[in-house]
């Protein structure tokens, strides 16, 4: 399902507080972006127990129970995982990974909070969640009857919301510092091939591993851990980020001219990471219109041109990457005109490659 409108983590919690208490809600979203943890946190904030059922591992009897003969009549007894004395949040995770037969067993549970003759305690809340068809996950068509029993909402990733959560949950500072610099690396689309990819969940796993290693973690350890949890390009840059911290390179010092671009062949990954950070800094901070630029912005423009010249002297290829059109993200036109004037070969080569 593609709703066309998405909510970030904080907005979705507000949505649940207003909607889930009166109607069952289904949360759509890519794998690993925090659907399950968000529902658990929602239940915790309400002071309610959260009971999770994993749709991909359920059989119909896990929902409706099994029949027993009582006083000469058959009666279904719901499983103990559903039966509670106090109101609770029932979380149906991976609901759209169930077969149609299992989906049917949820109809009365979702609509009437009832399983056979058993009713969930008054005030209980039902929330479902699942991946989208485009996520290369285990997804099966959801029947129209089941779809129409829930209010649908799609969760999107917000690095600011995630960083707020990560600081509160004591996620490793190397990771929060990195995501603060490269928020675009918090999540990437699931790959078509079998390889690790970056999600809030995978960054959390990497944090747990780094915490366990502590001060004993080596550059080789980081390389293995990052490769096993992150998108390959992100893993390389995360390792380079840590290496540049150890070598005391910072993009702010380079921008101010207090440090020079690393030029050793062994530091090429650090140079690439710094150049990527440099490009992100320019995209975010260069004014759109030079005529309206204040003194601070004009100093940035001047420093940026000087740093690009210096970078081109170290690596022409990486300097090209800084000024290139990348998925529609381009530096301001006036800045590119000045780069064309000062470094025409750099831009001409970039345009030919494009």
Protein backbone atom coordinates (compact mmCIF):
# COMPACT_ATOMS: atom_id res chain seq x y z
CA UNK A 1 0.00 0.00 0.00
CA UNK A 2 1.23 3.48 -0.87
CA UNK A 3 -0.71 6.09 1.07
CA UNK A 4 1.21 9.04 -0.34
CA UNK A 5 1.31 10.63 3.12
CA UNK A 6 3.74 9.55 5.84
CA UNK A 7 4.28 10.35 9.50
CA UNK A 8 7.56 10.47 11.40
CA UNK A 9 8.03 8.66 14.70
CA UNK A 10 6.93 11.53 16.94
CA UNK A 11 3.94 12.38 14.75
CA UNK A 12 2.89 8.74 14.66
CA UNK A 13 2.93 8.48 18.46
CA UNK A 14 0.59 11.47 18.61
CA UNK A 15 -1.59 9.82 15.94
CA UNK A 16 -1.82 6.60 17.95
CA UNK A 17 -2.77 8.46 21.11
CA UNK A 18 -5.76 9.95 19.31
CA UNK A 19 -6.82 7.14 16.98
CA UNK A 20 -5.63 3.75 18.28
CA UNK A 21 -7.63 4.08 21.49
CA UNK A 22 -10.88 4.14 19.49
CA UNK A 23 -10.07 2.22 16.29
CA UNK A 24 -7.52 -0.44 15.31
CA UNK A 25 -4.56 1.00 13.38
CA UNK A 26 -2.27 -0.62 10.82
CA UNK A 27 1.25 0.81 10.46
CA UNK A 28 2.96 0.39 7.09
CA UNK A 29 6.69 0.88 6.66
CA UNK A 30 10.00 -0.49 5.48
CA UNK A 31 11.86 -3.13 7.50
CA UNK A 32 13.92 -1.94 10.43
CA UNK A 33 12.61 1.62 10.74
CA UNK A 34 11.19 1.17 14.23
CA UNK A 35 7.55 0.09 13.89
CA UNK A 36 7.75 -2.52 16.66
CA UNK A 37 9.75 -0.41 19.11
CA UNK A 38 7.40 2.53 18.54
CA UNK A 39 4.35 0.43 19.45
CA UNK A 40 6.13 -0.94 22.53
CA UNK A 41 7.02 2.60 23.60
CA UNK A 42 3.43 3.72 22.98
CA UNK A 43 2.16 0.95 25.28
CA UNK A 44 4.75 1.82 27.92
CA UNK A 45 3.70 5.47 27.92
CA UNK A 46 0.09 4.37 28.44
CA UNK A 47 1.15 2.12 31.32
CA UNK A 48 -0.15 -0.95 29.46
CA UNK A 49 1.40 -4.31 28.69
CA UNK A 50 2.30 -4.90 25.04
CA UNK A 51 1.64 -8.42 23.76
CA UNK A 52 3.16 -9.13 20.34
CA UNK A 53 2.05 -11.79 17.88
CA UNK A 54 4.30 -12.35 14.87
CA UNK A 55 2.08 -12.96 11.87
CA UNK A 56 4.65 -14.83 9.83
CA UNK A 57 4.90 -17.51 12.55
CA UNK A 58 1.23 -18.00 13.40
CA UNK A 59 -1.24 -20.77 12.72
CA UNK A 60 -5.03 -20.17 12.99
CA UNK A 61 -5.20 -22.01 16.32
CA UNK A 62 -2.63 -19.59 17.75
CA UNK A 63 -5.32 -16.91 17.44
CA UNK A 64 -8.70 -18.60 17.87
CA UNK A 65 -7.43 -21.36 20.16
CA UNK A 66 -8.37 -25.05 20.06
CA UNK A 67 -11.80 -26.62 20.75
CA UNK A 68 -12.55 -28.60 23.90
CA UNK A 69 -15.67 -30.44 24.99
CA UNK A 70 -17.39 -28.72 27.91
CA UNK A 71 -20.73 -30.11 29.15
CA UNK A 72 -21.20 -31.98 25.92
CA UNK A 73 -20.49 -28.99 23.71
CA UNK A 74 -17.38 -27.85 21.89
CA UNK A 75 -15.87 -24.60 23.06
CA UNK A 76 -12.84 -22.70 21.79
CA UNK A 77 -10.32 -21.67 24.40
CA UNK A 78 -8.10 -18.81 23.27
CA UNK A 79 -4.35 -19.12 23.81
CA UNK A 80 -2.89 -17.85 27.08
CA UNK A 81 -0.83 -15.22 25.26
CA UNK A 82 -4.06 -13.38 24.38
CA UNK A 83 -5.97 -13.85 27.62
CA UNK A 84 -5.27 -11.05 30.09
CA UNK A 85 -7.11 -9.65 33.12
CA UNK A 86 -6.19 -6.01 32.51
CA UNK A 87 -6.44 -3.93 29.30
CA UNK A 88 -3.37 -4.25 27.10
CA UNK A 89 -1.98 -3.40 23.66
CA UNK A 90 -2.18 -6.34 21.28
CA UNK A 91 0.43 -5.82 18.57
CA UNK A 92 -0.07 -7.89 15.41
CA UNK A 93 3.36 -7.59 13.82
CA UNK A 94 3.90 -8.70 10.21
CA UNK A 95 0.14 -9.12 9.91
CA UNK A 96 0.30 -8.99 6.12
CA UNK A 97 2.81 -11.85 6.11
CA UNK A 98 0.01 -14.25 7.16
CA UNK A 99 -1.83 -16.52 4.80
CA UNK A 100 -5.42 -15.59 3.91
CA UNK A 101 -6.64 -18.36 6.24
CA UNK A 102 -4.82 -16.86 9.22
CA UNK A 103 -5.88 -13.33 8.28
CA UNK A 104 -9.52 -14.43 8.54
CA UNK A 105 -8.96 -15.51 12.13
CA UNK A 106 -8.16 -11.90 13.02
CA UNK A 107 -11.45 -10.41 11.76
CA UNK A 108 -13.44 -10.52 15.00
CA UNK A 109 -10.34 -9.83 17.09
CA UNK A 110 -9.65 -6.60 15.22
CA UNK A 111 -13.25 -5.44 14.86
CA UNK A 112 -14.82 -6.55 18.15
CA UNK A 113 -11.80 -7.34 20.36
CA UNK A 114 -13.21 -10.84 20.57
CA UNK A 115 -11.84 -14.35 20.08
CA UNK A 116 -14.64 -16.90 20.09
CA UNK A 117 -16.49 -16.29 23.36
CA UNK A 118 -13.58 -14.44 24.95
CA UNK A 119 -13.47 -10.66 24.85
CA UNK A 120 -10.34 -8.66 25.46
CA UNK A 121 -10.56 -6.50 28.61
CA UNK A 122 -12.35 -3.20 28.00
CA UNK A 123 -9.88 -0.52 26.97
CA UNK A 124 -7.55 -2.90 25.14
CA UNK A 125 -5.95 -1.63 21.94
CA UNK A 126 -5.16 -3.51 18.73
CA UNK A 127 -2.39 -2.30 16.43
CA UNK A 128 -1.10 -4.10 13.33
CA UNK A 129 2.03 -3.49 11.30
CA UNK A 130 3.71 -4.77 8.19
CA UNK A 131 6.14 -4.11 5.38
CA UNK A 132 5.17 -2.80 1.95
CA UNK A 133 5.24 -4.83 -1.25
CA UNK A 134 8.19 -2.80 -2.57
CA UNK A 135 10.36 -3.65 0.45
CA UNK A 136 11.48 -7.09 -0.78
CA UNK A 137 10.10 -8.59 2.45
CA UNK A 138 7.67 -11.44 3.09
CA UNK A 139 4.37 -9.79 2.14
CA UNK A 140 1.09 -11.35 1.07
CA UNK A 141 -2.00 -9.58 -0.26
CA UNK A 142 -4.25 -8.41 2.54
CA UNK A 143 -7.91 -9.14 1.99
CA UNK A 144 -10.19 -6.17 1.43
CA UNK A 145 -12.26 -7.27 4.42
CA UNK A 146 -9.21 -7.06 6.68
CA UNK A 147 -7.95 -3.82 5.12
CA UNK A 148 -11.31 -2.15 5.73
CA UNK A 149 -11.29 -3.02 9.42
CA UNK A 150 -8.32 -0.74 10.25
CA UNK A 151 -7.12 2.85 9.95
CA UNK A 152 -3.94 2.87 7.85
CA UNK A 153 -0.88 5.04 8.32
CA UNK A 154 2.66 4.93 6.91
CA UNK A 155 5.77 5.48 9.02
CA UNK A 156 8.77 7.33 7.58
CA UNK A 157 12.26 7.79 8.99
CA UNK A 158 13.21 11.09 10.62
CA UNK A 159 16.82 11.45 11.70
CA UNK A 160 15.91 14.19 14.21
CA UNK A 161 13.29 11.99 15.88
CA UNK A 162 15.68 9.05 15.82
CA UNK A 163 18.55 11.06 17.32
CA UNK A 164 16.28 12.22 20.15
CA UNK A 165 15.42 8.59 20.82
CA UNK A 166 19.03 7.42 20.39
CA UNK A 167 20.39 9.90 22.94
CA UNK A 168 17.71 8.84 25.45
CA UNK A 169 18.50 5.15 24.83
CA UNK A 170 22.27 5.68 25.14
CA UNK A 171 23.08 4.61 21.58
CA UNK A 172 26.87 4.64 21.06
CA UNK A 173 28.11 8.23 20.63
CA UNK A 174 30.14 7.30 17.54
CA UNK A 175 26.86 6.39 15.85
CA UNK A 176 24.86 9.42 16.98
CA UNK A 177 27.74 11.71 15.96
CA UNK A 178 27.93 10.05 12.56
CA UNK A 179 24.18 10.23 11.88
CA UNK A 180 24.17 13.87 12.97
CA UNK A 181 26.69 14.50 10.17
CA UNK A 182 25.20 12.09 7.64
CA UNK A 183 21.45 11.88 8.34
CA UNK A 184 20.94 10.46 4.85
CA UNK A 185 22.71 7.29 6.02
CA UNK A 186 20.19 6.43 8.73
CA UNK A 187 18.11 4.39 6.29
CA UNK A 188 18.52 3.02 2.79
CA UNK A 189 16.14 1.10 0.55
CA UNK A 190 16.21 -2.68 0.94
CA UNK A 191 18.59 -4.06 -1.72
CA UNK A 192 17.54 -6.46 -4.45
CA UNK A 193 20.51 -8.67 -3.63
CA UNK A 194 21.28 -10.41 -0.34
CA UNK A 195 23.40 -7.86 1.50
CA UNK A 196 23.23 -5.83 4.70
CA UNK A 197 21.53 -2.45 4.53
CA UNK A 198 21.25 0.53 6.85
CA UNK A 199 18.16 1.00 9.01
CA UNK A 200 17.56 2.39 12.50
CA UNK A 201 17.48 -1.24 13.65
CA UNK A 202 20.85 -2.07 12.09
CA UNK A 203 22.47 1.04 13.61
CA UNK A 204 21.07 -0.10 16.97
CA UNK A 205 22.64 -3.53 16.46
CA UNK A 206 25.97 -1.93 15.57
CA UNK A 207 25.74 0.21 18.71
CA UNK A 208 25.20 -2.87 20.88
CA UNK A 209 28.24 -4.55 19.33
CA UNK A 210 30.44 -1.48 19.79
CA UNK A 211 29.33 -1.21 23.42
CA UNK A 212 30.28 -4.83 23.98
CA UNK A 213 33.75 -4.37 22.47
CA UNK A 214 34.35 -1.16 24.40
CA UNK A 215 37.85 0.27 24.18
CA UNK A 216 39.11 -3.02 22.76
CA UNK A 217 37.51 -2.39 19.37
CA UNK A 218 40.05 -2.20 16.56
CA UNK A 219 39.86 -0.75 13.07
CA UNK A 220 39.49 -4.30 11.72
CA UNK A 221 36.67 -5.01 14.19
CA UNK A 222 34.83 -1.87 13.06
CA UNK A 223 35.27 -2.89 9.43
CA UNK A 224 33.72 -6.31 10.09
CA UNK A 225 30.89 -5.00 12.25
CA UNK A 226 29.95 -2.19 9.87
CA UNK A 227 30.05 -4.49 6.85
CA UNK A 228 27.72 -6.92 8.62
CA UNK A 229 25.09 -4.34 9.55
CA UNK A 230 25.16 -1.43 7.10
CA UNK A 231 24.79 -0.63 3.42
CA UNK A 232 28.29 -1.27 1.93
CA UNK A 233 28.93 2.38 1.04
CA UNK A 234 27.77 3.47 4.49
CA UNK A 235 29.99 0.89 6.17
CA UNK A 236 33.05 2.26 4.35
CA UNK A 237 32.23 5.83 5.30
CA UNK A 238 31.45 4.98 8.92
CA UNK A 239 34.85 3.34 9.27
CA UNK A 240 36.47 6.36 7.61
CA UNK A 241 34.58 8.64 10.01
CA UNK A 242 36.10 6.85 12.99
CA UNK A 243 39.55 6.90 11.41
CA UNK A 244 39.36 10.63 10.77
CA UNK A 245 38.39 11.18 14.40
CA UNK A 246 41.49 9.27 15.47
CA UNK A 247 43.61 11.35 13.09
CA UNK A 248 41.99 14.57 14.38
CA UNK A 249 40.68 15.57 10.94
CA UNK A 250 37.52 17.66 11.10
CA UNK A 251 35.61 19.30 8.28
CA UNK A 252 35.27 22.51 10.32
CA UNK A 253 39.06 22.80 10.73
CA UNK A 254 39.54 22.15 7.01
CA UNK A 255 36.90 24.76 6.11
CA UNK A 256 38.68 27.30 8.29
CA UNK A 257 42.01 26.50 6.67
CA UNK A 258 43.53 25.22 9.91
CA UNK A 259 43.97 21.72 8.48
CA UNK A 260 44.65 20.46 4.98
CA UNK A 261 42.98 17.64 3.12
CA UNK A 262 44.66 14.30 3.92
CA UNK A 263 46.85 13.39 0.94
CA UNK A 264 48.37 10.02 1.83
CA UNK A 265 47.23 7.04 -0.27
CA UNK A 266 46.42 5.16 2.95
CA UNK A 267 44.00 7.95 3.94
CA UNK A 268 41.94 7.87 0.75
CA UNK A 269 38.84 6.59 2.58
CA UNK A 270 39.16 9.45 5.09
CA UNK A 271 39.51 11.93 2.23
CA UNK A 272 36.37 10.54 0.58
CA UNK A 273 34.38 10.78 3.82
CA UNK A 274 35.54 14.35 4.46
CA UNK A 275 34.69 15.34 0.89
CA UNK A 276 31.20 13.85 1.25
CA UNK A 277 30.75 15.79 4.50
CA UNK A 278 32.09 18.92 2.76
CA UNK A 279 29.51 18.55 -0.03
CA UNK A 280 26.68 18.02 2.49
CA UNK A 281 27.83 21.11 4.38
CA UNK A 282 27.75 23.20 1.21
CA UNK A 283 24.34 21.91 0.13
CA UNK A 284 22.95 22.81 3.53
CA UNK A 285 24.67 26.14 4.18
CA UNK A 286 25.44 27.92 0.89
CA UNK A 287 22.85 30.68 0.32
CA UNK A 288 20.61 30.20 -2.69
CA UNK A 289 21.20 33.77 -3.82
CA UNK A 290 24.59 35.46 -3.48
CA UNK A 291 23.16 38.98 -3.64
CA UNK A 292 21.31 38.43 -0.36
CA UNK A 293 24.24 36.73 1.38
CA UNK A 294 25.44 38.22 4.67
CA UNK A 295 29.10 38.52 5.68
CA UNK A 296 29.18 35.01 7.18
CA UNK A 297 27.73 33.47 4.01
CA UNK A 298 30.21 35.35 1.82
CA UNK A 299 33.08 34.01 3.92
CA UNK A 300 31.70 30.51 3.43
CA UNK A 301 31.51 31.00 -0.36
CA UNK A 302 35.11 32.19 -0.49
CA UNK A 303 36.38 29.41 1.77
CA UNK A 304 34.44 26.76 -0.15
CA UNK A 305 36.03 27.76 -3.47
CA UNK A 306 39.50 27.71 -1.90
CA UNK A 307 38.91 24.27 -0.37
CA UNK A 308 37.67 22.84 -3.69
CA UNK A 309 40.85 24.07 -5.40
CA UNK A 310 42.96 22.43 -2.71
CA UNK A 311 40.93 19.23 -2.92
CA UNK A 312 41.34 19.11 -6.71
CA UNK A 313 45.11 19.26 -6.21
CA UNK A 314 44.92 16.18 -3.96
CA UNK A 315 42.28 14.22 -5.91
CA UNK A 316 40.66 15.57 -9.05
CA UNK A 317 38.15 12.71 -9.03
CA UNK A 318 36.95 13.37 -5.48
CA UNK A 319 36.74 17.12 -6.17
CA UNK A 320 34.47 16.27 -9.11
CA UNK A 321 32.22 14.36 -6.75
CA UNK A 322 31.78 17.47 -4.57
CA UNK A 323 30.47 19.62 -7.44
CA UNK A 324 28.60 16.93 -9.37
CA UNK A 325 24.82 16.74 -9.81
CA UNK A 326 23.87 13.84 -7.53
CA UNK A 327 20.24 12.69 -7.79
CA UNK A 328 19.10 16.25 -8.44
CA UNK A 329 21.05 17.72 -5.52
CA UNK A 330 23.13 20.53 -7.01
CA UNK A 331 25.14 23.40 -5.57
CA UNK A 332 23.73 26.92 -6.18
CA UNK A 333 24.07 28.12 -9.79
CA UNK A 334 26.09 31.25 -8.94
CA UNK A 335 28.60 29.09 -7.06
CA UNK A 336 28.92 26.68 -9.99
CA UNK A 337 29.48 29.63 -12.37
CA UNK A 338 32.40 30.76 -10.23
CA UNK A 339 33.78 27.20 -10.14
CA UNK A 340 33.51 27.09 -13.94
CA UNK A 341 35.50 30.33 -14.09
CA UNK A 342 38.20 29.18 -11.69
CA UNK A 343 38.30 25.45 -12.43
CA UNK A 344 36.70 24.97 -15.88
CA UNK A 345 38.28 21.57 -16.44
CA UNK A 346 36.77 20.23 -13.21
CA UNK A 347 33.21 21.11 -14.17
CA UNK A 348 33.60 20.20 -17.86
CA UNK A 349 34.75 16.74 -16.93
CA UNK A 350 31.85 16.38 -14.49
CA UNK A 351 29.33 17.45 -17.14
CA UNK A 352 30.77 14.98 -19.68
CA UNK A 353 30.51 12.19 -17.13
CA UNK A 354 26.93 13.16 -16.42
